[in-house]
Amino acid sequence: MNNSVDIDAAAERAQSSINAYHPDDPANDTDPLPSPTPTSSRNVPEGFDEPLAPPPPGAPGGLPDDRTPVSEAPFTPESAQGAGQVVQRYHALIGEGKYKQAWLLWHDGGAASRQSAADFADTFAAYSEYHANIGAPGRINSGAGQRYVTVPVQIYARLKQDHRPVYQIGTVTLRRAGDVDGASATQKSWRIQQIMLKPVRRR
């Protein structure tokens, strides 16, 4: 009896609001929310879920192996560490199914995600669980009165459709207004400008 499942087709059906991710297609270089593609081909006995096992730091598909000690000094919300905290909160909200709150952490009231709140929720409703490891934020860059910082991120999740794992690696770019006259507290808060992810295939 053939129990095989067309994984890509199932994921595409679950993610009909966005295009499937093709890492070699330049048209997807700015796609903030790649479709979930199962990235493991391990054989697991029926009735058992394959354990989620993201690659460790320094390994292919893992976060950078940054051995620099993390400062324990207090940090402000406007700092790079504050941006990292936003990324951590964003993924925690997705994991908890609080999609509207996560969507609002995108710049311009969610508009930077290029999805409506409903489509955003549909995107992540395809997962039975969703987790992220967050790397050390980079340095803050400035330009045209704005501040930008990039944070490494590693995604490990599981699709509802067939319980297969999904692994992705990439970066989250956040943006906020600089310390300029007239900027509101909301404009000075870090918000997500772009998320760039690519699949990590585990064997």
N, C-alpha and C. Protein backbone atom coordinates (compact mmCIF):
# COMPACT_ATOMS: atom_id res chain seq x y z
N MET A 1 0.85 -1.20 0.00
CA MET A 1 0.00 0.00 0.00
C MET A 1 0.88 1.24 0.00
N ASN A 2 0.60 2.18 -0.84
CA ASN A 2 1.44 3.37 -0.97
C ASN A 2 0.92 4.47 -0.06
N ASN A 3 1.73 4.80 0.98
CA ASN A 3 1.35 5.86 1.93
C ASN A 3 2.14 7.13 1.71
N SER A 4 2.82 7.26 0.57
CA SER A 4 3.64 8.44 0.34
C SER A 4 2.77 9.68 0.22
N VAL A 5 3.35 10.83 0.62
CA VAL A 5 2.63 12.10 0.60
C VAL A 5 3.44 13.10 -0.19
N ASP A 6 2.81 13.84 -1.05
CA ASP A 6 3.47 14.91 -1.80
C ASP A 6 3.64 16.08 -0.84
N ILE A 7 4.81 16.15 -0.18
CA ILE A 7 5.04 17.14 0.88
C ILE A 7 4.96 18.56 0.33
N ASP A 8 5.62 18.80 -0.80
CA ASP A 8 5.64 20.17 -1.34
C ASP A 8 4.23 20.63 -1.69
N ALA A 9 3.44 19.72 -2.27
CA ALA A 9 2.08 20.11 -2.65
C ALA A 9 1.25 20.42 -1.41
N ALA A 10 1.44 19.61 -0.36
CA ALA A 10 0.68 19.84 0.86
C ALA A 10 1.05 21.17 1.49
N ALA A 11 2.34 21.46 1.53
CA ALA A 11 2.77 22.72 2.12
C ALA A 11 2.27 23.90 1.29
N GLU A 12 2.28 23.71 -0.04
CA GLU A 12 1.82 24.81 -0.89
C GLU A 12 0.34 25.06 -0.70
N ARG A 13 -0.44 23.99 -0.52
CA ARG A 13 -1.86 24.18 -0.27
C ARG A 13 -2.09 24.91 1.04
N ALA A 14 -1.30 24.54 2.06
CA ALA A 14 -1.46 25.17 3.37
C ALA A 14 -1.01 26.62 3.34
N GLN A 15 -0.15 26.95 2.38
CA GLN A 15 0.43 28.29 2.31
C GLN A 15 0.04 28.98 1.01
N SER A 16 -1.20 28.86 0.59
CA SER A 16 -1.62 29.38 -0.71
C SER A 16 -1.51 30.89 -0.80
N SER A 17 -1.33 31.57 0.33
CA SER A 17 -1.27 33.03 0.30
C SER A 17 0.09 33.56 -0.11
N ILE A 18 1.11 32.67 -0.16
CA ILE A 18 2.45 33.13 -0.53
C ILE A 18 3.09 32.12 -1.48
N ASN A 19 4.12 32.54 -2.20
CA ASN A 19 4.78 31.68 -3.16
C ASN A 19 5.75 30.75 -2.47
N ALA A 20 5.97 29.57 -3.06
CA ALA A 20 6.97 28.65 -2.52
C ALA A 20 8.34 29.27 -2.66
N TYR A 21 9.22 28.97 -1.70
CA TYR A 21 10.55 29.57 -1.67
C TYR A 21 11.50 28.79 -2.57
N HIS A 22 12.19 29.50 -3.45
CA HIS A 22 13.20 28.90 -4.31
C HIS A 22 14.49 29.68 -4.12
N PRO A 23 15.48 29.11 -3.40
CA PRO A 23 16.68 29.89 -3.05
C PRO A 23 17.48 30.38 -4.23
N ASP A 24 17.31 29.77 -5.40
CA ASP A 24 18.09 30.19 -6.56
C ASP A 24 17.32 31.17 -7.44
N ASP A 25 16.12 31.54 -7.05
CA ASP A 25 15.29 32.45 -7.84
C ASP A 25 15.44 33.87 -7.32
N PRO A 26 16.08 34.77 -8.08
CA PRO A 26 16.27 36.15 -7.61
C PRO A 26 14.96 36.83 -7.27
N ALA A 27 13.87 36.40 -7.84
CA ALA A 27 12.58 37.06 -7.57
C ALA A 27 12.17 36.89 -6.13
N ASN A 28 12.76 35.90 -5.43
CA ASN A 28 12.39 35.66 -4.04
C ASN A 28 13.42 36.23 -3.06
N ASP A 29 14.36 37.01 -3.54
CA ASP A 29 15.39 37.55 -2.66
C ASP A 29 14.82 38.44 -1.59
N THR A 30 13.65 39.02 -1.81
CA THR A 30 13.07 39.92 -0.82
C THR A 30 11.76 39.37 -0.26
N ASP A 31 11.50 38.08 -0.47
CA ASP A 31 10.28 37.48 0.06
C ASP A 31 10.43 37.34 1.57
N PRO A 32 9.64 38.09 2.37
CA PRO A 32 9.87 38.09 3.81
C PRO A 32 9.39 36.83 4.50
N LEU A 33 8.48 36.07 3.89
CA LEU A 33 7.92 34.90 4.55
C LEU A 33 7.92 33.70 3.60
N PRO A 34 9.08 33.01 3.43
CA PRO A 34 9.11 31.85 2.56
C PRO A 34 8.13 30.78 3.04
N SER A 35 7.58 30.01 2.09
CA SER A 35 6.68 28.93 2.45
C SER A 35 7.43 27.86 3.22
N PRO A 36 6.75 27.20 4.15
CA PRO A 36 7.41 26.12 4.87
C PRO A 36 7.61 24.93 3.96
N THR A 37 8.83 24.44 3.85
CA THR A 37 9.13 23.26 3.07
C THR A 37 9.75 22.24 4.00
N PRO A 38 9.17 21.06 4.14
CA PRO A 38 9.77 20.05 5.01
C PRO A 38 11.21 19.80 4.58
N THR A 39 12.12 19.79 5.53
CA THR A 39 13.54 19.73 5.19
C THR A 39 14.23 18.55 5.85
N SER A 40 13.53 17.46 5.97
CA SER A 40 14.14 16.25 6.51
C SER A 40 13.62 15.05 5.75
N SER A 41 14.49 14.10 5.50
CA SER A 41 14.09 12.90 4.78
C SER A 41 14.32 11.65 5.64
N ARG A 42 14.45 11.82 6.95
CA ARG A 42 14.68 10.68 7.82
C ARG A 42 13.44 9.79 7.88
N ASN A 43 13.67 8.50 8.00
CA ASN A 43 12.57 7.56 8.14
C ASN A 43 12.25 7.38 9.61
N VAL A 44 11.00 7.65 9.97
CA VAL A 44 10.56 7.54 11.36
C VAL A 44 9.39 6.57 11.40
N PRO A 45 9.37 5.65 12.37
CA PRO A 45 8.25 4.69 12.44
C PRO A 45 6.92 5.41 12.50
N GLU A 46 5.91 4.80 11.87
CA GLU A 46 4.59 5.38 11.86
C GLU A 46 4.07 5.54 13.29
N GLY A 47 3.46 6.70 13.56
CA GLY A 47 2.95 6.97 14.89
C GLY A 47 3.91 7.75 15.77
N PHE A 48 5.15 7.96 15.28
CA PHE A 48 6.14 8.70 16.03
C PHE A 48 6.53 9.95 15.25
N ASP A 49 6.64 11.07 15.94
CA ASP A 49 7.12 12.29 15.31
C ASP A 49 8.63 12.34 15.41
N GLU A 50 9.25 12.70 14.30
CA GLU A 50 10.71 12.88 14.33
C GLU A 50 11.05 14.03 15.25
N PRO A 51 11.95 13.85 16.22
CA PRO A 51 12.30 14.94 17.13
C PRO A 51 12.87 16.13 16.37
N LEU A 52 12.53 17.32 16.81
CA LEU A 52 13.12 18.52 16.23
C LEU A 52 14.55 18.65 16.73
N ALA A 53 15.48 18.74 15.80
CA ALA A 53 16.90 18.80 16.16
C ALA A 53 17.60 19.79 15.25
N PRO A 54 17.51 21.10 15.55
CA PRO A 54 18.17 22.10 14.71
C PRO A 54 19.69 21.94 14.77
N PRO A 55 20.39 22.23 13.68
CA PRO A 55 21.85 22.15 13.69
C PRO A 55 22.44 23.05 14.77
N PRO A 56 23.50 22.61 15.44
CA PRO A 56 24.11 23.41 16.50
C PRO A 56 24.90 24.59 15.95
N PRO A 57 25.22 25.57 16.78
CA PRO A 57 26.02 26.72 16.33
C PRO A 57 27.33 26.27 15.69
N GLY A 58 27.66 26.90 14.58
CA GLY A 58 28.90 26.58 13.88
C GLY A 58 28.75 25.49 12.84
N ALA A 59 27.69 24.68 12.92
CA ALA A 59 27.45 23.63 11.94
C ALA A 59 26.69 24.20 10.75
N PRO A 60 26.75 23.54 9.58
CA PRO A 60 25.95 24.01 8.45
C PRO A 60 24.47 24.08 8.83
N GLY A 61 23.87 25.23 8.57
CA GLY A 61 22.48 25.43 8.94
C GLY A 61 22.28 25.91 10.36
N GLY A 62 23.39 26.05 11.11
CA GLY A 62 23.31 26.54 12.48
C GLY A 62 23.65 28.01 12.57
N LEU A 63 23.37 28.61 13.72
CA LEU A 63 23.74 30.00 13.95
C LEU A 63 25.25 30.14 14.01
N PRO A 64 25.78 31.36 13.84
CA PRO A 64 27.22 31.56 13.99
C PRO A 64 27.69 31.13 15.38
N ASP A 65 28.84 30.51 15.42
CA ASP A 65 29.40 30.05 16.70
C ASP A 65 30.13 31.22 17.35
N ASP A 66 29.36 32.17 17.86
CA ASP A 66 29.90 33.40 18.45
C ASP A 66 30.24 33.15 19.91
N ARG A 67 31.51 33.08 20.20
CA ARG A 67 31.94 32.78 21.57
C ARG A 67 32.20 34.04 22.40
N THR A 68 31.85 35.22 21.83
CA THR A 68 32.01 36.46 22.58
C THR A 68 31.03 36.49 23.74
N PRO A 69 31.49 36.70 24.97
CA PRO A 69 30.56 36.73 26.10
C PRO A 69 29.51 37.81 25.92
N VAL A 70 28.28 37.48 26.28
CA VAL A 70 27.19 38.44 26.19
C VAL A 70 27.20 39.32 27.43
N SER A 71 27.14 40.63 27.22
CA SER A 71 27.15 41.56 28.34
C SER A 71 25.90 41.39 29.18
N GLU A 72 26.07 41.38 30.50
CA GLU A 72 24.94 41.28 31.41
C GLU A 72 24.50 42.66 31.91
N ALA A 73 25.12 43.71 31.37
CA ALA A 73 24.75 45.06 31.78
C ALA A 73 23.36 45.38 31.25
N PRO A 74 22.61 46.23 31.96
CA PRO A 74 21.26 46.60 31.47
C PRO A 74 21.35 47.24 30.09
N PHE A 75 20.34 47.03 29.28
CA PHE A 75 20.30 47.64 27.95
C PHE A 75 18.97 48.33 27.75
N THR A 76 18.97 49.31 26.87
CA THR A 76 17.75 50.07 26.60
C THR A 76 16.99 49.42 25.44
N PRO A 77 15.69 49.68 25.33
CA PRO A 77 14.92 49.13 24.20
C PRO A 77 15.44 49.59 22.85
N GLU A 78 16.11 50.76 22.81
CA GLU A 78 16.62 51.29 21.54
C GLU A 78 17.94 50.66 21.12
N SER A 79 18.55 49.84 21.98
CA SER A 79 19.84 49.23 21.67
C SER A 79 19.68 48.04 20.75
N ALA A 80 20.83 47.52 20.27
CA ALA A 80 20.79 46.32 19.42
C ALA A 80 20.23 45.14 20.20
N GLN A 81 20.55 45.06 21.50
CA GLN A 81 20.00 43.99 22.32
C GLN A 81 18.49 44.11 22.44
N GLY A 82 18.00 45.35 22.45
CA GLY A 82 16.55 45.57 22.46
C GLY A 82 15.91 45.04 21.20
N ALA A 83 16.60 45.20 20.06
CA ALA A 83 16.10 44.65 18.80
C ALA A 83 16.04 43.13 18.86
N GLY A 84 17.08 42.52 19.43
CA GLY A 84 17.10 41.07 19.57
C GLY A 84 15.94 40.58 20.43
N GLN A 85 15.59 41.36 21.42
CA GLN A 85 14.47 40.99 22.29
C GLN A 85 13.15 41.01 21.52
N VAL A 86 13.02 41.96 20.59
CA VAL A 86 11.82 42.02 19.75
C VAL A 86 11.72 40.77 18.88
N VAL A 87 12.85 40.34 18.32
CA VAL A 87 12.86 39.13 17.49
C VAL A 87 12.46 37.91 18.32
N GLN A 88 12.97 37.85 19.53
CA GLN A 88 12.64 36.74 20.42
C GLN A 88 11.15 36.73 20.74
N ARG A 89 10.61 37.90 21.03
CA ARG A 89 9.19 38.01 21.35
C ARG A 89 8.33 37.64 20.15
N TYR A 90 8.73 38.09 18.96
CA TYR A 90 7.99 37.81 17.73
C TYR A 90 7.81 36.30 17.54
N HIS A 91 8.89 35.56 17.64
CA HIS A 91 8.80 34.12 17.42
C HIS A 91 8.08 33.42 18.55
N ALA A 92 8.22 33.93 19.76
CA ALA A 92 7.47 33.35 20.88
C ALA A 92 5.97 33.52 20.67
N LEU A 93 5.55 34.68 20.18
CA LEU A 93 4.14 34.92 19.92
C LEU A 93 3.61 33.98 18.84
N ILE A 94 4.40 33.75 17.80
CA ILE A 94 3.98 32.81 16.76
C ILE A 94 3.83 31.41 17.35
N GLY A 95 4.80 31.00 18.16
CA GLY A 95 4.74 29.69 18.78
C GLY A 95 3.52 29.52 19.68
N GLU A 96 3.05 30.63 20.24
CA GLU A 96 1.87 30.59 21.12
C GLU A 96 0.57 30.77 20.36
N GLY A 97 0.67 30.95 19.04
CA GLY A 97 -0.53 31.14 18.24
C GLY A 97 -1.11 32.54 18.32
N LYS A 98 -0.33 33.50 18.81
CA LYS A 98 -0.80 34.88 18.92
C LYS A 98 -0.35 35.65 17.67
N TYR A 99 -0.97 35.30 16.56
CA TYR A 99 -0.50 35.77 15.26
C TYR A 99 -0.71 37.26 15.06
N LYS A 100 -1.82 37.79 15.51
CA LYS A 100 -2.07 39.23 15.33
C LYS A 100 -1.02 40.06 16.07
N GLN A 101 -0.67 39.66 17.29
CA GLN A 101 0.34 40.39 18.05
C GLN A 101 1.70 40.30 17.36
N ALA A 102 2.02 39.13 16.80
CA ALA A 102 3.28 38.98 16.09
C ALA A 102 3.30 39.84 14.83
N TRP A 103 2.19 39.83 14.10
CA TRP A 103 2.08 40.63 12.87
C TRP A 103 2.30 42.10 13.14
N LEU A 104 1.82 42.59 14.27
CA LEU A 104 1.96 44.01 14.61
C LEU A 104 3.41 44.39 14.95
N LEU A 105 4.29 43.41 15.11
CA LEU A 105 5.70 43.72 15.35
C LEU A 105 6.45 44.01 14.03
N TRP A 106 5.76 43.84 12.91
CA TRP A 106 6.33 44.28 11.64
C TRP A 106 6.19 45.79 11.52
N HIS A 107 7.11 46.39 10.77
CA HIS A 107 7.10 47.84 10.57
C HIS A 107 5.80 48.28 9.90
N ASP A 108 5.43 49.52 10.17
CA ASP A 108 4.26 50.13 9.56
C ASP A 108 2.98 49.37 9.89
N GLY A 109 2.85 49.01 11.16
CA GLY A 109 1.63 48.37 11.63
C GLY A 109 1.35 47.03 11.00
N GLY A 110 2.40 46.29 10.63
CA GLY A 110 2.24 44.98 10.01
C GLY A 110 2.36 44.99 8.50
N ALA A 111 2.28 46.19 7.89
CA ALA A 111 2.28 46.27 6.43
C ALA A 111 3.58 45.77 5.80
N ALA A 112 4.71 45.91 6.54
CA ALA A 112 5.99 45.47 5.98
C ALA A 112 6.04 43.97 5.73
N SER A 113 5.15 43.21 6.35
CA SER A 113 5.11 41.77 6.11
C SER A 113 4.55 41.43 4.73
N ARG A 114 3.90 42.42 4.10
CA ARG A 114 3.27 42.25 2.80
C ARG A 114 2.15 41.22 2.84
N GLN A 115 1.55 41.08 4.01
CA GLN A 115 0.39 40.22 4.17
C GLN A 115 -0.61 40.93 5.08
N SER A 116 -1.88 40.61 4.89
CA SER A 116 -2.88 41.07 5.84
C SER A 116 -2.73 40.25 7.12
N ALA A 117 -3.34 40.72 8.19
CA ALA A 117 -3.27 39.98 9.45
C ALA A 117 -3.86 38.59 9.29
N ALA A 118 -4.93 38.47 8.51
CA ALA A 118 -5.57 37.17 8.31
C ALA A 118 -4.68 36.23 7.51
N ASP A 119 -4.05 36.73 6.45
CA ASP A 119 -3.16 35.89 5.65
C ASP A 119 -1.93 35.49 6.45
N PHE A 120 -1.43 36.41 7.27
CA PHE A 120 -0.29 36.12 8.13
C PHE A 120 -0.64 34.96 9.07
N ALA A 121 -1.81 35.04 9.67
CA ALA A 121 -2.24 33.97 10.59
C ALA A 121 -2.37 32.65 9.85
N ASP A 122 -2.91 32.67 8.63
CA ASP A 122 -3.04 31.45 7.84
C ASP A 122 -1.68 30.83 7.54
N THR A 123 -0.69 31.69 7.29
CA THR A 123 0.66 31.22 7.01
C THR A 123 1.18 30.35 8.14
N PHE A 124 1.07 30.83 9.36
CA PHE A 124 1.67 30.12 10.49
C PHE A 124 0.74 29.09 11.12
N ALA A 125 -0.53 29.12 10.75
CA ALA A 125 -1.45 28.10 11.21
C ALA A 125 -1.13 26.73 10.62
N ALA A 126 -0.26 26.70 9.59
CA ALA A 126 0.15 25.43 9.00
C ALA A 126 1.07 24.63 9.92
N TYR A 127 1.57 25.26 10.97
CA TYR A 127 2.51 24.59 11.87
C TYR A 127 1.82 24.09 13.14
N SER A 128 2.23 22.92 13.60
CA SER A 128 1.77 22.44 14.90
C SER A 128 2.66 22.97 16.01
N GLU A 129 3.90 23.28 15.69
CA GLU A 129 4.80 23.95 16.64
C GLU A 129 5.82 24.76 15.86
N TYR A 130 6.27 25.84 16.49
CA TYR A 130 7.16 26.79 15.80
C TYR A 130 8.10 27.39 16.84
N HIS A 131 9.42 27.23 16.59
CA HIS A 131 10.43 27.70 17.55
C HIS A 131 11.54 28.44 16.81
N ALA A 132 12.32 29.20 17.55
CA ALA A 132 13.44 29.92 16.95
C ALA A 132 14.57 30.06 17.96
N ASN A 133 15.80 29.94 17.45
CA ASN A 133 16.99 30.31 18.20
C ASN A 133 17.47 31.65 17.66
N ILE A 134 17.81 32.56 18.55
CA ILE A 134 18.19 33.92 18.15
C ILE A 134 19.67 34.12 18.38
N GLY A 135 20.37 34.65 17.37
CA GLY A 135 21.80 34.93 17.50
C GLY A 135 22.05 36.33 18.02
N ALA A 136 23.32 36.65 18.18
CA ALA A 136 23.70 37.97 18.67
C ALA A 136 23.43 39.04 17.62
N PRO A 137 22.77 40.14 17.98
CA PRO A 137 22.49 41.20 17.00
C PRO A 137 23.78 41.82 16.47
N GLY A 138 23.73 42.31 15.23
CA GLY A 138 24.86 43.02 14.67
C GLY A 138 24.89 44.46 15.16
N ARG A 139 25.76 45.25 14.57
CA ARG A 139 25.85 46.66 14.94
C ARG A 139 24.72 47.46 14.32
N ILE A 140 24.34 48.53 14.98
CA ILE A 140 23.29 49.40 14.48
C ILE A 140 23.85 50.28 13.37
N ASN A 141 23.18 50.31 12.23
CA ASN A 141 23.55 51.17 11.12
C ASN A 141 22.54 52.32 11.00
N SER A 142 23.01 53.44 10.50
CA SER A 142 22.17 54.63 10.39
C SER A 142 22.05 55.07 8.94
N GLY A 143 20.92 55.70 8.63
CA GLY A 143 20.73 56.24 7.29
C GLY A 143 19.40 56.94 7.16
N ALA A 144 19.41 58.17 6.65
CA ALA A 144 18.19 58.94 6.40
C ALA A 144 17.31 59.03 7.64
N GLY A 145 17.94 59.25 8.78
CA GLY A 145 17.18 59.40 10.01
C GLY A 145 16.64 58.11 10.60
N GLN A 146 17.05 56.98 10.02
CA GLN A 146 16.58 55.68 10.49
C GLN A 146 17.74 54.87 11.07
N ARG A 147 17.40 53.91 11.89
CA ARG A 147 18.37 52.98 12.46
C ARG A 147 18.00 51.57 12.02
N TYR A 148 19.00 50.77 11.71
CA TYR A 148 18.78 49.40 11.25
C TYR A 148 19.71 48.45 11.99
N VAL A 149 19.23 47.25 12.25
CA VAL A 149 20.08 46.22 12.86
C VAL A 149 19.61 44.87 12.35
N THR A 150 20.55 43.95 12.18
CA THR A 150 20.25 42.61 11.68
C THR A 150 20.52 41.58 12.78
N VAL A 151 19.59 40.66 12.93
CA VAL A 151 19.69 39.64 13.97
C VAL A 151 19.63 38.26 13.31
N PRO A 152 20.61 37.38 13.54
CA PRO A 152 20.54 36.02 12.98
C PRO A 152 19.42 35.22 13.66
N VAL A 153 18.79 34.35 12.89
CA VAL A 153 17.71 33.54 13.45
C VAL A 153 17.74 32.14 12.82
N GLN A 154 17.41 31.17 13.63
CA GLN A 154 17.31 29.78 13.18
C GLN A 154 15.92 29.26 13.55
N ILE A 155 15.18 28.79 12.56
CA ILE A 155 13.82 28.31 12.77
C ILE A 155 13.81 26.79 12.81
N TYR A 156 13.10 26.24 13.75
CA TYR A 156 12.83 24.80 13.74
C TYR A 156 11.36 24.61 14.13
N ALA A 157 10.63 23.95 13.23
CA ALA A 157 9.18 23.89 13.37
C ALA A 157 8.67 22.55 12.86
N ARG A 158 7.35 22.35 13.00
CA ARG A 158 6.74 21.12 12.52
C ARG A 158 5.43 21.45 11.82
N LEU A 159 5.23 20.88 10.64
CA LEU A 159 4.00 21.08 9.90
C LEU A 159 2.88 20.20 10.46
N LYS A 160 1.67 20.74 10.48
CA LYS A 160 0.52 19.96 10.92
C LYS A 160 0.19 18.85 9.94
N GLN A 161 0.36 19.12 8.66
CA GLN A 161 -0.14 18.23 7.62
C GLN A 161 0.41 16.80 7.76
N ASP A 162 1.69 16.67 8.03
CA ASP A 162 2.26 15.33 8.12
C ASP A 162 3.27 15.19 9.26
N HIS A 163 3.37 16.21 10.11
CA HIS A 163 4.23 16.18 11.29
C HIS A 163 5.72 16.21 10.96
N ARG A 164 6.06 16.54 9.72
CA ARG A 164 7.48 16.57 9.35
C ARG A 164 8.13 17.85 9.82
N PRO A 165 9.43 17.81 10.19
CA PRO A 165 10.14 19.01 10.64
C PRO A 165 10.43 19.97 9.50
N VAL A 166 10.57 21.23 9.86
CA VAL A 166 11.00 22.29 8.96
C VAL A 166 12.14 23.02 9.64
N TYR A 167 13.26 23.17 8.93
CA TYR A 167 14.41 23.92 9.45
C TYR A 167 14.74 25.04 8.47
N GLN A 168 14.96 26.23 9.01
CA GLN A 168 15.34 27.38 8.19
C GLN A 168 16.39 28.20 8.94
N ILE A 169 17.20 28.90 8.18
CA ILE A 169 18.23 29.77 8.75
C ILE A 169 18.20 31.10 8.00
N GLY A 170 18.48 32.18 8.69
CA GLY A 170 18.46 33.47 8.00
C GLY A 170 18.65 34.63 8.95
N THR A 171 18.09 35.77 8.58
CA THR A 171 18.27 36.99 9.36
C THR A 171 16.96 37.76 9.44
N VAL A 172 16.86 38.53 10.49
CA VAL A 172 15.74 39.46 10.67
C VAL A 172 16.34 40.87 10.71
N THR A 173 15.87 41.75 9.85
CA THR A 173 16.30 43.15 9.85
C THR A 173 15.22 44.00 10.50
N LEU A 174 15.63 44.78 11.49
CA LEU A 174 14.69 45.65 12.20
C LEU A 174 15.04 47.10 11.94
N ARG A 175 14.03 47.94 12.09
CA ARG A 175 14.18 49.37 11.78
C ARG A 175 13.47 50.21 12.84
N ARG A 176 14.03 51.35 13.13
CA ARG A 176 13.36 52.32 14.00
C ARG A 176 13.83 53.72 13.62
N ALA A 177 13.06 54.72 14.01
CA ALA A 177 13.46 56.10 13.76
C ALA A 177 14.60 56.48 14.70
N GLY A 178 15.48 57.36 14.21
CA GLY A 178 16.55 57.86 15.05
C GLY A 178 16.03 58.88 16.05
N ASP A 179 16.94 59.41 16.82
CA ASP A 179 16.56 60.40 17.83
C ASP A 179 16.40 61.77 17.17
N VAL A 180 15.29 61.92 16.47
CA VAL A 180 15.01 63.16 15.76
C VAL A 180 13.78 63.81 16.35
N ASP A 181 13.70 65.12 16.23
CA ASP A 181 12.54 65.85 16.75
C ASP A 181 11.27 65.39 16.05
N GLY A 182 10.24 65.20 16.83
CA GLY A 182 8.94 64.84 16.27
C GLY A 182 8.69 63.36 16.14
N ALA A 183 9.72 62.52 16.34
CA ALA A 183 9.52 61.07 16.24
C ALA A 183 8.79 60.58 17.49
N SER A 184 7.75 59.80 17.28
CA SER A 184 6.96 59.28 18.40
C SER A 184 7.66 58.09 19.05
N ALA A 185 7.17 57.69 20.20
CA ALA A 185 7.73 56.53 20.90
C ALA A 185 7.58 55.28 20.04
N THR A 186 6.45 55.17 19.33
CA THR A 186 6.23 54.01 18.46
C THR A 186 7.23 54.00 17.32
N GLN A 187 7.48 55.17 16.73
CA GLN A 187 8.45 55.25 15.63
C GLN A 187 9.86 54.95 16.09
N LYS A 188 10.16 55.19 17.36
CA LYS A 188 11.49 54.93 17.89
C LYS A 188 11.65 53.49 18.39
N SER A 189 10.57 52.71 18.29
CA SER A 189 10.62 51.30 18.72
C SER A 189 11.06 50.41 17.56
N TRP A 190 11.85 49.40 17.86
CA TRP A 190 12.27 48.47 16.83
C TRP A 190 11.08 47.70 16.28
N ARG A 191 10.98 47.66 14.96
CA ARG A 191 9.97 46.87 14.28
C ARG A 191 10.63 46.13 13.12
N ILE A 192 10.07 44.99 12.75
CA ILE A 192 10.67 44.14 11.73
C ILE A 192 10.45 44.75 10.34
N GLN A 193 11.53 44.90 9.63
CA GLN A 193 11.49 45.43 8.26
C GLN A 193 11.52 44.30 7.24
N GLN A 194 12.29 43.26 7.53
CA GLN A 194 12.45 42.17 6.56
C GLN A 194 12.94 40.92 7.27
N ILE A 195 12.46 39.77 6.81
CA ILE A 195 12.96 38.48 7.27
C ILE A 195 13.40 37.69 6.05
N MET A 196 14.65 37.26 6.04
CA MET A 196 15.19 36.48 4.93
C MET A 196 15.54 35.09 5.47
N LEU A 197 14.85 34.07 4.97
CA LEU A 197 15.08 32.69 5.41
C LEU A 197 15.35 31.79 4.23
N LYS A 198 16.14 30.78 4.45
CA LYS A 198 16.34 29.73 3.43
C LYS A 198 16.25 28.38 4.13
N PRO A 199 15.79 27.36 3.42
CA PRO A 199 15.64 26.05 4.05
C PRO A 199 16.98 25.39 4.34
N VAL A 200 16.98 24.60 5.38
CA VAL A 200 18.16 23.78 5.73
C VAL A 200 17.71 22.34 5.64
N ARG A 201 18.34 21.59 4.76
CA ARG A 201 17.94 20.20 4.56
C ARG A 201 18.78 19.30 5.46
N ARG A 202 18.08 18.54 6.29
CA ARG A 202 18.75 17.59 7.18
C ARG A 202 18.53 16.18 6.65
N ARG A 203 19.54 15.36 6.77
CA ARG A 203 19.45 13.98 6.26
C ARG A 203 19.60 12.98 7.39
